[in-house]
Amino acid sequence: MGRNCSECGDWCSNSRFSSNQWRKGEGVSRCKDCVSGVSQQHFNGGTGFRTTYQCGVCYGEYDTQNELNMHMQVHRLRNFSCPVCGDQRFASGANAVQHVESGYCRGCRGKDNARTQIYQYAQRQRNMQGFLNGTPLLTNGGNNSYVPDKPYKCNQCAKTFRNLSQLMQHQDNKHNNSRLRLGY
């Protein structure tokens, strides 16, 4: 059982269509390759055709959709600033936080100090409460430098993270939510 794809014209078995596309019917449904943006097929030596994914900006070709997605990050604007040193050279808030957490920010004194500072800052932010794993630490007004091993969690799938930048990247890539912002 199969039909022709309305976009590429190839005859495809029903397994090459999503259930949604299959329900659209003959002459309207598109195969999975056309829906996902597969741009071309190339002859791969003696093994047949291989599918490639093409960047719409620089026209580079990639073997998987994930490779194309990773490549697309080079085309993002770099208009995010580091919350500590102020350098404006980051493509996302997650990249700026990652810079601080790495310990290489000129405004921090080492990786452990940076991680502690970001965690304490996140605890003070009302919009971050749903992303903290467990209850915030209680202090008697002193400087509590303890940071749990995985203090952050995704509020959509409950996955836990060691670093805030990992949570922010996860939110952006897995849940298409780049709105997790810290108001530095």
Protein backbone atom coordinates (compact mmCIF):
# COMPACT_ATOMS: atom_id res chain seq x y z
CA MET A 1 0.00 0.00 0.00
CA GLY A 2 1.40 3.40 -0.93
CA ARG A 3 0.99 6.55 -2.99
CA ASN A 4 2.91 9.34 -4.68
CA CYS A 5 4.25 12.18 -2.56
CA SER A 6 2.60 15.47 -3.58
CA GLU A 7 5.91 17.35 -3.26
CA CYS A 8 8.68 15.14 -4.70
CA GLY A 9 6.43 12.89 -6.79
CA ASP A 10 8.12 9.67 -5.62
CA TRP A 11 5.98 6.60 -5.02
CA CYS A 12 6.32 5.78 -1.33
CA SER A 13 4.97 3.01 0.87
CA ASN A 14 2.58 4.12 3.61
CA SER A 15 5.39 3.77 6.18
CA ARG A 16 7.18 6.73 4.54
CA PHE A 17 4.23 9.01 5.48
CA SER A 18 3.29 10.21 8.96
CA SER A 19 -0.23 9.21 9.99
CA ASN A 20 -1.29 12.85 9.68
CA GLN A 21 0.05 13.13 6.12
CA TRP A 22 -1.44 9.76 5.15
CA ARG A 23 -4.92 10.91 6.27
CA LYS A 24 -4.70 13.93 3.96
CA GLY A 25 -5.09 11.60 1.00
CA GLU A 26 -3.75 11.05 -2.50
CA GLY A 27 -2.35 14.14 -4.21
CA VAL A 28 -2.06 16.12 -0.97
CA SER A 29 0.09 14.06 1.42
CA ARG A 30 3.87 14.57 1.62
CA CYS A 31 6.44 11.90 2.52
CA LYS A 32 8.44 12.18 5.76
CA ASP A 33 11.54 13.33 3.85
CA CYS A 34 9.69 16.26 2.26
CA VAL A 35 7.97 17.23 5.52
CA SER A 36 11.28 17.22 7.44
CA GLY A 37 13.02 19.39 4.86
CA VAL A 38 15.36 16.81 3.36
CA SER A 39 16.75 18.72 0.45
CA GLN A 40 18.37 16.21 -1.86
CA GLN A 41 19.46 12.66 -2.39
CA HIS A 42 22.99 11.84 -3.52
CA PHE A 43 24.33 8.66 -4.98
CA ASN A 44 26.56 7.11 -2.32
CA GLY A 45 29.13 4.99 -4.15
CA GLY A 46 27.79 1.51 -4.76
CA THR A 47 25.40 1.52 -1.80
CA GLY A 48 22.58 3.52 -3.37
CA PHE A 49 21.24 6.94 -2.48
CA ARG A 50 21.86 8.83 0.75
CA THR A 51 19.80 11.73 1.97
CA THR A 52 21.38 15.05 2.90
CA TYR A 53 20.08 18.08 4.78
CA GLN A 54 20.97 21.50 3.46
CA CYS A 55 21.45 24.80 5.29
CA GLY A 56 19.22 27.48 3.81
CA VAL A 57 21.75 30.21 4.71
CA CYS A 58 25.14 28.95 3.49
CA TYR A 59 23.96 25.84 1.59
CA GLY A 60 26.26 23.47 3.52
CA GLU A 61 25.12 19.84 3.46
CA TYR A 62 24.75 17.58 6.50
CA ASP A 63 24.01 13.89 6.89
CA THR A 64 21.38 14.23 9.64
CA GLN A 65 18.80 16.75 10.78
CA ASN A 66 20.61 16.96 14.12
CA GLU A 67 23.87 17.92 12.39
CA LEU A 68 22.02 20.64 10.49
CA ASN A 69 20.40 21.89 13.71
CA MET A 70 23.81 22.07 15.40
CA HIS A 71 25.27 23.90 12.40
CA MET A 72 22.45 26.47 12.40
CA GLN A 73 23.79 27.81 15.70
CA VAL A 74 26.67 29.45 13.80
CA HIS A 75 24.14 31.67 12.05
CA ARG A 76 22.49 32.95 15.25
CA LEU A 77 23.02 36.58 16.24
CA ARG A 78 25.52 37.04 19.05
CA ASN A 79 23.67 39.69 20.98
CA PHE A 80 23.57 38.21 24.50
CA SER A 81 25.83 39.66 27.17
CA CYS A 82 27.61 37.91 30.00
CA PRO A 83 25.74 38.73 33.23
CA VAL A 84 29.04 39.20 35.08
CA CYS A 85 31.69 40.71 32.78
CA GLY A 86 29.34 42.28 30.21
CA ASP A 87 30.99 40.82 27.08
CA GLN A 88 28.38 40.81 24.30
CA ARG A 89 29.41 37.81 22.21
CA PHE A 90 26.96 35.02 22.96
CA ALA A 91 24.27 33.49 20.74
CA SER A 92 21.93 32.67 23.64
CA GLY A 93 21.38 33.27 27.33
CA ALA A 94 22.44 29.66 27.88
CA ASN A 95 25.79 30.37 26.21
CA ALA A 96 26.34 33.42 28.43
CA VAL A 97 25.53 31.42 31.58
CA GLN A 98 27.78 28.59 30.33
CA HIS A 99 30.61 31.13 30.00
CA VAL A 100 30.17 32.09 33.67
CA GLU A 101 29.82 28.48 34.85
CA SER A 102 33.02 27.51 33.03
CA GLY A 103 35.04 29.67 35.42
CA TYR A 104 36.75 31.54 32.57
CA CYS A 105 34.71 34.71 32.94
CA ARG A 106 37.06 37.50 34.00
CA GLY A 107 34.46 38.63 36.55
CA CYS A 108 34.43 35.33 38.48
CA ARG A 109 37.03 33.62 40.60
CA GLY A 110 36.96 29.99 39.49
CA LYS A 111 34.43 27.40 38.41
CA ASP A 112 33.11 26.48 41.88
CA ASN A 113 32.58 30.11 42.86
CA ALA A 114 30.78 30.83 39.58
CA ARG A 115 28.49 27.80 40.01
CA THR A 116 27.66 28.85 43.57
CA GLN A 117 26.95 32.46 42.53
CA ILE A 118 24.60 31.39 39.73
CA TYR A 119 22.77 28.95 42.00
CA GLN A 120 22.29 31.56 44.73
CA TYR A 121 21.10 34.05 42.12
CA ALA A 122 18.62 31.51 40.70
CA GLN A 123 17.27 30.86 44.21
CA ARG A 124 16.46 34.56 44.59
CA GLN A 125 14.56 34.79 41.28
CA ARG A 126 10.81 34.23 41.48
CA ASN A 127 10.60 33.00 37.86
CA MET A 128 13.23 30.30 38.61
CA GLN A 129 11.40 28.61 41.50
CA GLY A 130 9.75 26.03 39.19
CA PHE A 131 13.18 25.09 37.81
CA LEU A 132 14.91 24.37 41.11
CA ASN A 133 15.21 20.71 42.03
CA GLY A 134 13.84 20.39 45.57
CA THR A 135 13.26 23.08 48.13
CA PRO A 136 15.58 26.07 48.32
CA LEU A 137 18.17 25.91 51.06
CA LEU A 138 17.34 27.80 54.23
CA THR A 139 20.01 30.05 55.61
CA ASN A 140 20.27 32.20 58.69
CA GLY A 141 21.36 35.17 56.65
CA GLY A 142 24.87 33.74 56.32
CA ASN A 143 26.67 32.90 53.12
CA ASN A 144 25.66 29.33 52.30
CA SER A 145 27.93 28.05 49.53
CA TYR A 146 26.46 24.52 49.27
CA VAL A 147 25.11 23.65 45.81
CA PRO A 148 23.35 20.27 45.30
CA ASP A 149 24.79 18.00 42.61
CA LYS A 150 21.82 18.53 40.24
CA PRO A 151 20.03 21.64 41.50
CA TYR A 152 18.01 22.41 38.35
CA LYS A 153 15.09 20.55 36.75
CA CYS A 154 12.96 20.93 33.65
CA ASN A 155 9.44 21.90 34.62
CA GLN A 156 8.06 20.08 31.57
CA CYS A 157 9.74 16.66 31.67
CA ALA A 158 11.40 16.65 35.15
CA LYS A 159 14.91 15.92 33.78
CA THR A 160 17.56 17.22 36.19
CA PHE A 161 20.74 19.18 35.44
CA ARG A 162 24.03 20.03 37.12
CA ASN A 163 24.34 23.44 35.47
CA LEU A 164 21.81 26.14 34.71
CA SER A 165 23.19 26.48 31.18
CA GLN A 166 22.34 22.81 30.53
CA LEU A 167 18.73 23.41 31.62
CA MET A 168 18.50 26.50 29.40
CA GLN A 169 19.86 24.62 26.37
CA HIS A 170 17.47 21.73 27.08
CA GLN A 171 14.50 24.12 27.25
CA ASP A 172 15.52 25.72 23.96
CA ASN A 173 16.29 22.50 22.05
CA LYS A 174 13.80 19.97 23.43
CA HIS A 175 10.81 22.14 24.30
CA ASN A 176 11.39 25.01 21.86
CA ASN A 177 11.36 27.41 24.77
CA SER A 178 14.15 29.98 24.79
CA ARG A 179 12.18 32.23 27.16
CA LEU A 180 13.93 31.02 30.31
CA ARG A 181 15.61 34.31 31.13
CA LEU A 182 17.57 35.52 34.08
CA GLY A 183 17.18 39.20 34.86
CA TYR A 184 20.79 40.05 35.62
